[in-house]
Amino acid sequence: MPQEPAPRNVAGVSVPALLHRQTVQDALISVVYTVSVVAITVRLDHGGEPGRPLDVLAYVCMIGVGVALAFRRRWPTGTLYAILALTLVYVIRDYTGGPFFLAVFIAIATVASVMPTREALPRVAIAFVALALSGLFVDSADESGWVHLLYLSWSVVAFLAGKTVRDRRELLSGLRERNRHLEETQEEEARRRVAEERVRIARDLHDIVAHNIAAISLQAATGAYVADAHPDKARDALLTIRQASRQTLDDLRCTLDVLRDGDDSAPLAPTPGLSALPMLVDSVVEAGVPVTLVLEGDTGAVPEAVAGAAYRIVQESLTNVMRHAGPARVTVAVTRLADGLDVSVEDDGRGASAAPGPTGHGLAGMRERALTFGGTFAAGPRPGGGFAVRAWLPVVLEPEDPSADSPPGRPDEASIPHPAGAGGVSP
């Protein structure tokens, strides 16, 4: 007969191991049942219990149902029908009673426990009807045949018991699957957060270190050039290098302490915002690059996170100018509009073609900062020479007095002079 589906993986046990364990259990149940039924029924028969004396057919029925129980979970439907057939023979022949009838109830419970209710009901219904009608064919002279109607109620109890086992197994399986999904989701979320934090740290380190190293390189070149003719200027360049180096080491030390200790409460330098732009511009000017800073609108009412992103974009843009633009003048314009912040950094240097080798992560980092807040970013060569960076960072407005004057609105996209192309250079 065809093999029916066996129960699936349970509690992390592999299917082959589970099937082997179930086979061993069913074989032991079969042996215990067969020995017990034969021994008890023979004793009842010798004790004068009512019914036909045991003969060869009775022993065949008892041993047959015992053997069939060994396959109850591998072939539940076939086992039920085989045991039911032997039970009907045993009942109709009116042999001595005893524990023989337990087999059919075990088979009914097994069908209900391993098969969906909709599939199990037709099979169990056949057993219900057959057992209920079997008593009508008993040859006893008394009315004991009608007692076999009790088989119907016992069968219902066996079916409900098996269904309860199946429902509990499905509940536990669902809970395990849910827990597994939650664990996978938590692990995936943890990996995502680690990846995001790694990118954030790399971006911040890049912005901090690259800017200071670019300033140091520019000052070193200036100091070496004027060392003989203007020793005082060379000394100033060395002092600037010392200050930039110390600041770089302090920033690196703070970041490495956090990475080493894993303590989010470790003291860190405050994130620079728009108020720190003048000092940033001054440091670049001291490095020998003329920079004009233009701040328009109420830049003090910008959220700290947005202001920090704008600062980093300006910082990275100025770093690129120091590294690649050559002799150039730079204009930094930060404009606070009604619903956002417009950041523009333009220079008249050599542009993207001046950068040797492959581009780095600077432009990608600036773009990521802008997109994090739902903004836009564009960078590329300017018509007529030079390079331009343009970023738009949305700002969520707090409820204000409707009668108060609002800042100017964001210009239309068509009116914003985005630089041509999306290429560019970065450290």
Protein backbone atom coordinates (compact mmCIF):
# COMPACT_ATOMS: atom_id res chain seq x y z
CA MET A 1 0.00 0.00 0.00
CA PRO A 2 1.29 3.56 -0.65
CA GLN A 3 3.13 5.23 2.16
CA GLU A 4 1.31 8.20 3.66
CA PRO A 5 2.96 11.43 4.80
CA ALA A 6 4.73 11.09 8.12
CA PRO A 7 4.87 13.83 10.73
CA ARG A 8 7.33 16.54 9.90
CA ASN A 9 10.38 17.68 11.78
CA VAL A 10 9.64 18.20 15.48
CA ALA A 11 11.69 20.21 17.98
CA GLY A 12 14.70 20.39 15.70
CA VAL A 13 14.98 16.58 15.22
CA SER A 14 15.77 15.55 11.65
CA VAL A 15 13.08 13.66 9.73
CA PRO A 16 15.09 10.38 9.38
CA ALA A 17 15.91 10.36 13.10
CA LEU A 18 12.30 11.13 13.97
CA LEU A 19 10.98 8.34 11.74
CA HIS A 20 13.44 5.86 13.26
CA ARG A 21 12.42 6.82 16.78
CA GLN A 22 8.71 6.54 15.95
CA THR A 23 9.26 3.15 14.29
CA VAL A 24 10.97 1.80 17.40
CA GLN A 25 8.22 3.16 19.66
CA ASP A 26 5.44 1.69 17.51
CA ALA A 27 7.19 -1.69 17.40
CA LEU A 28 7.43 -1.76 21.21
CA ILE A 29 3.76 -0.78 21.52
CA SER A 30 2.86 -3.55 19.08
CA VAL A 31 4.75 -6.18 21.04
CA VAL A 32 3.40 -5.09 24.42
CA TYR A 33 -0.15 -4.87 23.08
CA THR A 34 -0.05 -8.30 21.42
CA VAL A 35 1.42 -10.11 24.44
CA SER A 36 -0.95 -8.39 26.86
CA VAL A 37 -4.11 -8.98 24.78
CA VAL A 38 -3.36 -12.65 24.16
CA ALA A 39 -2.50 -13.31 27.80
CA ILE A 40 -5.51 -11.45 29.25
CA THR A 41 -8.00 -12.80 26.69
CA VAL A 42 -6.85 -16.43 27.23
CA ARG A 43 -7.26 -16.01 30.96
CA LEU A 44 -10.76 -14.54 30.52
CA ASP A 45 -11.67 -17.39 28.17
CA HIS A 46 -10.54 -19.98 30.70
CA GLY A 47 -12.42 -18.11 33.43
CA GLY A 48 -15.75 -18.76 31.81
CA GLU A 49 -16.43 -15.34 30.32
CA PRO A 50 -19.40 -15.30 27.92
CA GLY A 51 -18.68 -15.60 24.20
CA ARG A 52 -17.34 -18.06 21.66
CA PRO A 53 -14.28 -19.96 22.86
CA LEU A 54 -11.01 -18.86 21.32
CA ASP A 55 -9.90 -20.66 18.19
CA VAL A 56 -7.21 -20.18 15.54
CA LEU A 57 -9.11 -17.32 13.87
CA ALA A 58 -9.33 -15.46 17.20
CA TYR A 59 -5.57 -15.71 17.68
CA VAL A 60 -5.02 -14.55 14.10
CA CYS A 61 -7.19 -11.48 14.79
CA MET A 62 -5.37 -10.66 18.03
CA ILE A 63 -1.91 -11.08 16.55
CA GLY A 64 -2.95 -9.30 13.32
CA VAL A 65 -4.14 -6.12 15.05
CA GLY A 66 -1.00 -6.15 17.18
CA VAL A 67 1.23 -6.33 14.12
CA ALA A 68 -0.81 -3.62 12.36
CA LEU A 69 -0.20 -1.22 15.26
CA ALA A 70 3.50 -1.27 14.39
CA PHE A 71 2.68 0.65 11.19
CA ARG A 72 0.03 3.01 12.55
CA ARG A 73 2.00 6.23 11.96
CA ARG A 74 3.64 5.15 8.73
CA TRP A 75 0.37 4.06 7.10
CA PRO A 76 -2.40 5.43 9.35
CA THR A 77 -5.29 4.87 6.93
CA GLY A 78 -4.25 1.34 5.94
CA THR A 79 -3.65 0.45 9.58
CA LEU A 80 -7.11 1.71 10.57
CA TYR A 81 -8.87 -0.30 7.88
CA ALA A 82 -6.86 -3.46 8.62
CA ILE A 83 -7.55 -3.28 12.34
CA LEU A 84 -11.20 -2.41 11.70
CA ALA A 85 -11.62 -5.47 9.47
CA LEU A 86 -10.07 -7.80 12.05
CA THR A 87 -12.13 -6.19 14.80
CA LEU A 88 -15.36 -6.72 12.87
CA VAL A 89 -14.45 -10.38 12.41
CA TYR A 90 -13.72 -10.66 16.13
CA VAL A 91 -16.98 -8.94 17.08
CA ILE A 92 -19.20 -10.82 14.64
CA ARG A 93 -17.69 -14.14 15.74
CA ASP A 94 -18.54 -13.03 19.30
CA TYR A 95 -15.27 -14.10 20.86
CA THR A 96 -14.48 -13.47 24.48
CA GLY A 97 -14.12 -9.76 25.24
CA GLY A 98 -11.13 -8.05 26.78
CA PRO A 99 -8.60 -5.39 25.78
CA PHE A 100 -8.73 -6.49 22.13
CA PHE A 101 -10.88 -3.48 21.15
CA LEU A 102 -8.27 -0.97 22.25
CA ALA A 103 -6.48 -1.40 18.93
CA VAL A 104 -9.22 0.15 16.81
CA PHE A 105 -9.48 3.13 19.14
CA ILE A 106 -5.71 3.60 19.01
CA ALA A 107 -5.90 3.50 15.19
CA ILE A 108 -8.71 6.10 15.17
CA ALA A 109 -6.75 8.40 17.48
CA THR A 110 -3.67 7.98 15.28
CA VAL A 111 -5.54 8.97 12.12
CA ALA A 112 -6.94 12.05 13.87
CA SER A 113 -3.50 13.01 15.19
CA VAL A 114 -1.49 12.74 11.95
CA MET A 115 -4.03 13.85 9.33
CA PRO A 116 -5.96 17.11 8.88
CA THR A 117 -9.46 16.93 10.33
CA ARG A 118 -11.11 17.24 6.93
CA GLU A 119 -9.20 14.20 5.66
CA ALA A 120 -9.52 12.19 8.88
CA LEU A 121 -13.28 12.56 9.31
CA PRO A 122 -14.38 10.36 6.34
CA ARG A 123 -12.03 7.55 7.42
CA VAL A 124 -13.12 7.72 11.05
CA ALA A 125 -16.80 7.91 10.07
CA ILE A 126 -16.47 4.53 8.33
CA ALA A 127 -15.10 3.07 11.54
CA PHE A 128 -17.92 4.72 13.55
CA VAL A 129 -20.65 3.17 11.42
CA ALA A 130 -18.98 -0.24 11.13
CA LEU A 131 -18.49 -0.56 14.87
CA ALA A 132 -22.01 0.63 15.64
CA LEU A 133 -23.61 -1.87 13.24
CA SER A 134 -21.35 -4.78 14.12
CA GLY A 135 -23.28 -5.45 17.31
CA LEU A 136 -26.42 -6.22 15.32
CA PHE A 137 -24.77 -9.30 13.89
CA VAL A 138 -23.63 -10.80 17.18
CA ASP A 139 -25.01 -14.32 17.65
CA SER A 140 -25.47 -14.03 21.45
CA ALA A 141 -28.88 -14.95 22.73
CA ASP A 142 -29.05 -12.00 25.12
CA GLU A 143 -29.26 -8.34 24.26
CA SER A 144 -25.54 -7.76 24.64
CA GLY A 145 -25.28 -6.96 20.94
CA TRP A 146 -26.74 -3.56 21.53
CA VAL A 147 -23.95 -2.86 23.99
CA HIS A 148 -21.68 -2.53 20.96
CA LEU A 149 -23.31 0.82 20.32
CA LEU A 150 -20.97 2.01 23.06
CA TYR A 151 -18.19 1.61 20.54
CA LEU A 152 -19.50 4.71 18.85
CA SER A 153 -18.98 6.89 21.94
CA TRP A 154 -15.55 5.38 22.57
CA SER A 155 -14.59 6.07 18.97
CA VAL A 156 -15.66 9.69 19.34
CA VAL A 157 -13.49 10.00 22.45
CA ALA A 158 -10.53 8.45 20.58
CA PHE A 159 -11.03 10.83 17.65
CA LEU A 160 -11.17 13.89 19.92
CA ALA A 161 -8.09 12.72 21.80
CA GLY A 162 -6.15 12.34 18.56
CA LYS A 163 -7.35 15.72 17.29
CA THR A 164 -6.24 17.31 20.56
CA VAL A 165 -2.78 15.82 20.11
CA ARG A 166 -2.61 17.19 16.55
CA ASP A 167 -3.82 20.65 17.59
CA ARG A 168 -1.26 20.81 20.37
CA ARG A 169 1.52 19.67 18.03
CA GLU A 170 0.54 22.30 15.46
CA LEU A 171 0.40 24.95 18.17
CA LEU A 172 3.87 24.06 19.41
CA SER A 173 5.16 23.92 15.84
CA GLY A 174 3.67 27.34 15.14
CA LEU A 175 5.24 28.76 18.30
CA ARG A 176 8.62 27.29 17.39
CA GLU A 177 8.36 28.68 13.88
CA ARG A 178 7.38 32.05 15.25
CA ASN A 179 10.28 32.04 17.69
CA ARG A 180 12.65 30.99 14.91
CA HIS A 181 11.36 33.79 12.71
CA LEU A 182 11.73 36.28 15.56
CA GLU A 183 15.29 35.10 16.19
CA GLU A 184 16.15 35.39 12.50
CA THR A 185 14.53 38.81 12.36
CA GLN A 186 16.44 39.95 15.44
CA GLU A 187 19.70 38.61 14.04
CA GLU A 188 19.03 40.29 10.71
CA GLU A 189 18.15 43.54 12.46
CA ALA A 190 21.31 43.30 14.57
CA ARG A 191 23.42 42.69 11.45
CA ARG A 192 21.73 45.61 9.72
CA ARG A 193 22.40 47.91 12.66
CA VAL A 194 26.01 46.78 12.86
CA ALA A 195 26.44 47.42 9.13
CA GLU A 196 24.82 50.85 9.41
CA GLU A 197 26.97 51.72 12.41
CA ARG A 198 30.10 50.53 10.58
CA VAL A 199 29.24 52.74 7.61
CA ARG A 200 28.50 55.70 9.88
CA ILE A 201 31.80 55.33 11.76
CA ALA A 202 33.73 54.91 8.51
CA ARG A 203 32.03 57.99 7.06
CA ASP A 204 32.77 60.11 10.14
CA LEU A 205 36.37 58.94 10.31
CA HIS A 206 36.77 59.67 6.64
CA ASP A 207 35.38 63.18 7.00
CA ILE A 208 37.43 64.04 10.07
CA VAL A 209 40.74 62.47 9.11
CA ALA A 210 40.65 63.33 5.41
CA HIS A 211 39.98 67.02 6.08
CA ASN A 212 42.72 67.37 8.66
CA ILE A 213 45.23 65.36 6.66
CA ALA A 214 44.47 67.46 3.57
CA ALA A 215 45.08 70.62 5.62
CA ILE A 216 48.31 69.18 7.00
CA SER A 217 49.51 68.23 3.52
CA LEU A 218 48.74 71.69 2.16
CA GLN A 219 50.45 73.44 5.09
CA ALA A 220 53.49 71.17 4.79
CA ALA A 221 53.80 72.00 1.10
CA THR A 222 53.46 75.72 1.89
CA GLY A 223 56.02 75.54 4.71
CA ALA A 224 58.54 73.74 2.54
CA TYR A 225 58.07 76.29 -0.23
CA VAL A 226 58.60 79.38 1.96
CA ALA A 227 61.05 77.93 4.48
CA ASP A 228 64.08 79.73 3.07
CA ALA A 229 62.55 83.05 2.08
CA HIS A 230 59.97 83.44 4.88
CA PRO A 231 60.91 81.42 7.97
CA ASP A 232 58.12 83.05 9.99
CA LYS A 233 55.48 81.76 7.56
CA ALA A 234 57.05 78.32 7.64
CA ARG A 235 56.83 78.41 11.43
CA ASP A 236 53.15 79.36 11.23
CA ALA A 237 52.55 76.44 8.87
CA LEU A 238 54.23 74.06 11.31
CA LEU A 239 52.09 75.35 14.18
CA THR A 240 48.98 74.83 12.08
CA ILE A 241 50.14 71.31 11.27
CA ARG A 242 50.69 70.63 14.96
CA GLN A 243 47.21 71.86 15.86
CA ALA A 244 45.55 69.86 13.07
CA SER A 245 47.49 66.74 14.02
CA ARG A 246 46.48 67.07 17.66
CA GLN A 247 42.83 67.53 16.70
CA THR A 248 42.97 64.49 14.44
CA LEU A 249 44.52 62.35 17.17
CA ASP A 250 41.89 63.48 19.70
CA ASP A 251 39.05 62.63 17.32
CA LEU A 252 40.56 59.26 16.52
CA ARG A 253 41.13 58.52 20.21
CA CYS A 254 37.49 59.24 21.06
CA THR A 255 36.21 57.05 18.24
CA LEU A 256 38.57 54.18 19.01
CA ASP A 257 37.63 54.31 22.71
CA VAL A 258 33.99 53.86 21.78
CA LEU A 259 34.82 50.99 19.42
CA ARG A 260 37.06 49.30 21.99
CA ASP A 261 34.78 49.66 25.01
CA GLY A 262 31.44 49.38 23.23
CA ASP A 263 30.07 52.04 25.57
CA ASP A 264 27.58 54.37 23.96
CA SER A 265 27.84 56.68 26.98
CA ALA A 266 31.54 57.33 26.43
CA PRO A 267 32.30 61.04 26.18
CA LEU A 268 32.49 62.23 22.61
CA ALA A 269 33.12 65.59 21.09
CA PRO A 270 29.85 67.30 20.18
CA THR A 271 28.79 66.97 16.56
CA PRO A 272 29.70 70.22 14.80
CA GLY A 273 26.82 72.11 13.23
CA LEU A 274 26.25 75.23 11.16
CA SER A 275 27.63 77.42 13.93
CA ALA A 276 31.02 75.70 13.46
CA LEU A 277 31.21 76.56 9.75
CA PRO A 278 33.11 79.85 10.31
CA MET A 279 35.85 77.99 12.22
CA LEU A 280 35.98 75.35 9.49
CA VAL A 281 36.33 78.04 6.84
CA ASP A 282 39.02 79.82 8.87
CA SER A 283 41.08 76.61 9.08
CA VAL A 284 40.88 76.20 5.32
CA VAL A 285 41.81 79.85 4.78
CA GLU A 286 44.81 79.38 7.08
CA ALA A 287 45.81 76.43 4.91
CA GLY A 288 46.03 78.84 1.98
CA VAL A 289 42.67 78.38 0.20
CA PRO A 290 40.52 81.55 -0.08
CA VAL A 291 36.97 80.74 1.01
CA THR A 292 33.89 82.95 1.09
CA LEU A 293 31.13 81.83 3.47
CA VAL A 294 27.54 82.98 2.91
CA LEU A 295 24.86 82.10 5.48
CA GLU A 296 21.31 83.15 4.66
CA GLY A 297 18.09 82.71 6.59
CA ASP A 298 17.57 81.48 10.14
CA THR A 299 20.26 78.79 10.19
CA GLY A 300 20.06 78.57 13.97
CA ALA A 301 16.62 76.89 13.82
CA VAL A 302 17.91 73.80 12.01
CA PRO A 303 17.76 70.42 13.82
CA GLU A 304 21.10 69.21 15.10
CA ALA A 305 21.19 66.10 12.89
CA VAL A 306 20.49 68.07 9.71
CA ALA A 307 22.98 70.77 10.70
CA GLY A 308 25.61 68.09 11.34
CA ALA A 309 25.02 66.55 7.91
CA ALA A 310 25.33 69.97 6.25
CA TYR A 311 28.58 70.62 8.13
CA ARG A 312 30.06 67.30 7.00
CA ILE A 313 29.08 67.93 3.39
CA VAL A 314 30.79 71.33 3.44
CA GLN A 315 33.82 69.84 5.21
CA GLU A 316 34.22 67.04 2.66
CA SER A 317 33.77 69.48 -0.22
CA LEU A 318 36.49 71.76 1.13
CA THR A 319 38.74 68.73 1.64
CA ASN A 320 38.34 67.87 -2.02
CA VAL A 321 39.22 71.43 -2.97
CA MET A 322 42.42 71.35 -0.89
CA ARG A 323 43.45 68.00 -2.34
CA HIS A 324 42.50 68.31 -5.98
CA ALA A 325 41.51 71.81 -7.09
CA GLY A 326 44.96 73.41 -7.01
CA PRO A 327 44.96 77.21 -6.79
CA ALA A 328 41.29 78.04 -6.42
CA ARG A 329 38.77 80.26 -4.73
CA VAL A 330 35.77 78.68 -3.02
CA THR A 331 32.29 79.95 -2.24
CA VAL A 332 30.29 78.17 0.44
CA ALA A 333 26.60 79.11 0.57
CA VAL A 334 24.15 77.72 3.12
CA THR A 335 20.58 78.99 2.74
CA ARG A 336 17.75 78.26 5.16
CA LEU A 337 14.51 78.00 3.20
CA ALA A 338 10.95 77.38 4.37
CA ASP A 339 11.19 73.61 4.39
CA GLY A 340 14.85 72.80 4.14
CA LEU A 341 18.48 73.70 3.86
CA ASP A 342 20.26 74.41 0.58
CA VAL A 343 24.03 73.77 0.68
CA SER A 344 26.31 74.82 -2.15
CA VAL A 345 30.11 74.61 -2.45
CA GLU A 346 31.66 75.90 -5.70
CA ASP A 347 35.28 76.46 -6.69
CA ASP A 348 37.07 77.73 -9.78
CA GLY A 349 39.94 75.25 -9.65
CA ARG A 350 40.99 72.48 -11.98
CA GLY A 351 37.84 70.41 -11.45
CA ALA A 352 37.44 66.63 -11.53
CA SER A 353 40.17 66.07 -14.12
CA ALA A 354 42.81 67.14 -11.63
CA ALA A 355 42.35 64.14 -9.35
CA PRO A 356 44.78 61.32 -10.08
CA GLY A 357 43.73 57.70 -9.67
CA PRO A 358 40.33 56.28 -8.86
CA THR A 359 37.77 58.20 -6.84
CA GLY A 360 37.21 57.37 -3.19
CA HIS A 361 34.24 57.43 -0.83
CA GLY A 362 33.81 61.16 -0.29
CA LEU A 363 31.04 61.81 -2.80
CA ALA A 364 29.31 58.58 -1.80
CA GLY A 365 29.39 59.65 1.85
CA MET A 366 27.94 63.08 1.05
CA ARG A 367 25.21 61.52 -1.05
CA GLU A 368 24.38 59.07 1.75
CA ARG A 369 24.10 61.91 4.25
CA ALA A 370 21.69 63.79 2.02
CA LEU A 371 19.57 60.74 1.18
CA THR A 372 19.37 59.77 4.85
CA PHE A 373 17.17 62.81 5.44
CA GLY A 374 15.23 62.38 2.21
CA GLY A 375 17.19 65.10 0.43
CA THR A 376 18.99 65.33 -2.89
CA PHE A 377 22.62 65.58 -3.91
CA ALA A 378 24.47 66.56 -7.07
CA ALA A 379 28.15 67.06 -7.79
CA GLY A 380 30.16 67.61 -10.92
CA PRO A 381 32.27 70.01 -13.02
CA ARG A 382 31.07 73.58 -13.44
CA PRO A 383 30.63 75.09 -16.88
CA GLY A 384 33.74 77.14 -17.57
CA GLY A 385 35.91 75.31 -15.03
CA GLY A 386 35.88 74.32 -11.43
CA PHE A 387 33.71 71.95 -9.45
CA ALA A 388 30.40 72.31 -7.65
CA VAL A 389 28.58 70.39 -4.93
CA ARG A 390 24.91 70.98 -4.23
CA ALA A 391 22.80 69.34 -1.52
CA TRP A 392 19.23 69.82 -0.40
CA LEU A 393 18.33 68.70 3.15
CA PRO A 394 14.64 68.84 4.14
CA VAL A 395 13.81 70.27 7.55
CA VAL A 396 10.59 69.37 9.38
CA LEU A 397 8.99 72.58 10.63
CA GLU A 398 7.54 72.83 14.11
CA PRO A 399 4.03 74.34 14.47
CA GLU A 400 4.33 78.11 14.60
CA ASP A 401 2.12 81.12 14.87
CA PRO A 402 0.36 81.51 11.48
CA SER A 403 0.67 85.28 11.77
CA ALA A 404 4.46 85.08 12.03
CA ASP A 405 6.53 85.78 8.97
CA SER A 406 7.76 82.54 7.44
CA PRO A 407 11.14 82.12 5.79
CA PRO A 408 11.28 82.10 2.01
CA GLY A 409 10.09 78.90 0.38
CA ARG A 410 12.22 76.36 -1.39
CA PRO A 411 12.90 77.33 -4.99
CA ASP A 412 11.54 75.22 -7.80
CA GLU A 413 13.81 72.36 -8.92
CA ALA A 414 14.13 73.98 -12.33
CA SER A 415 15.52 77.14 -10.75
CA ILE A 416 18.26 75.37 -8.79
CA PRO A 417 21.48 75.44 -10.81
CA HIS A 418 22.60 71.84 -10.17
CA PRO A 419 26.06 71.08 -11.47
CA ALA A 420 26.24 69.12 -14.65
CA GLY A 421 26.77 65.39 -14.23
CA ALA A 422 27.06 63.31 -11.09
CA GLY A 423 30.73 62.50 -11.28
CA GLY A 424 33.49 64.07 -9.28
CA VAL A 425 36.41 63.33 -7.08
CA SER A 426 36.82 62.57 -3.43
CA PRO A 427 39.42 61.17 -1.15
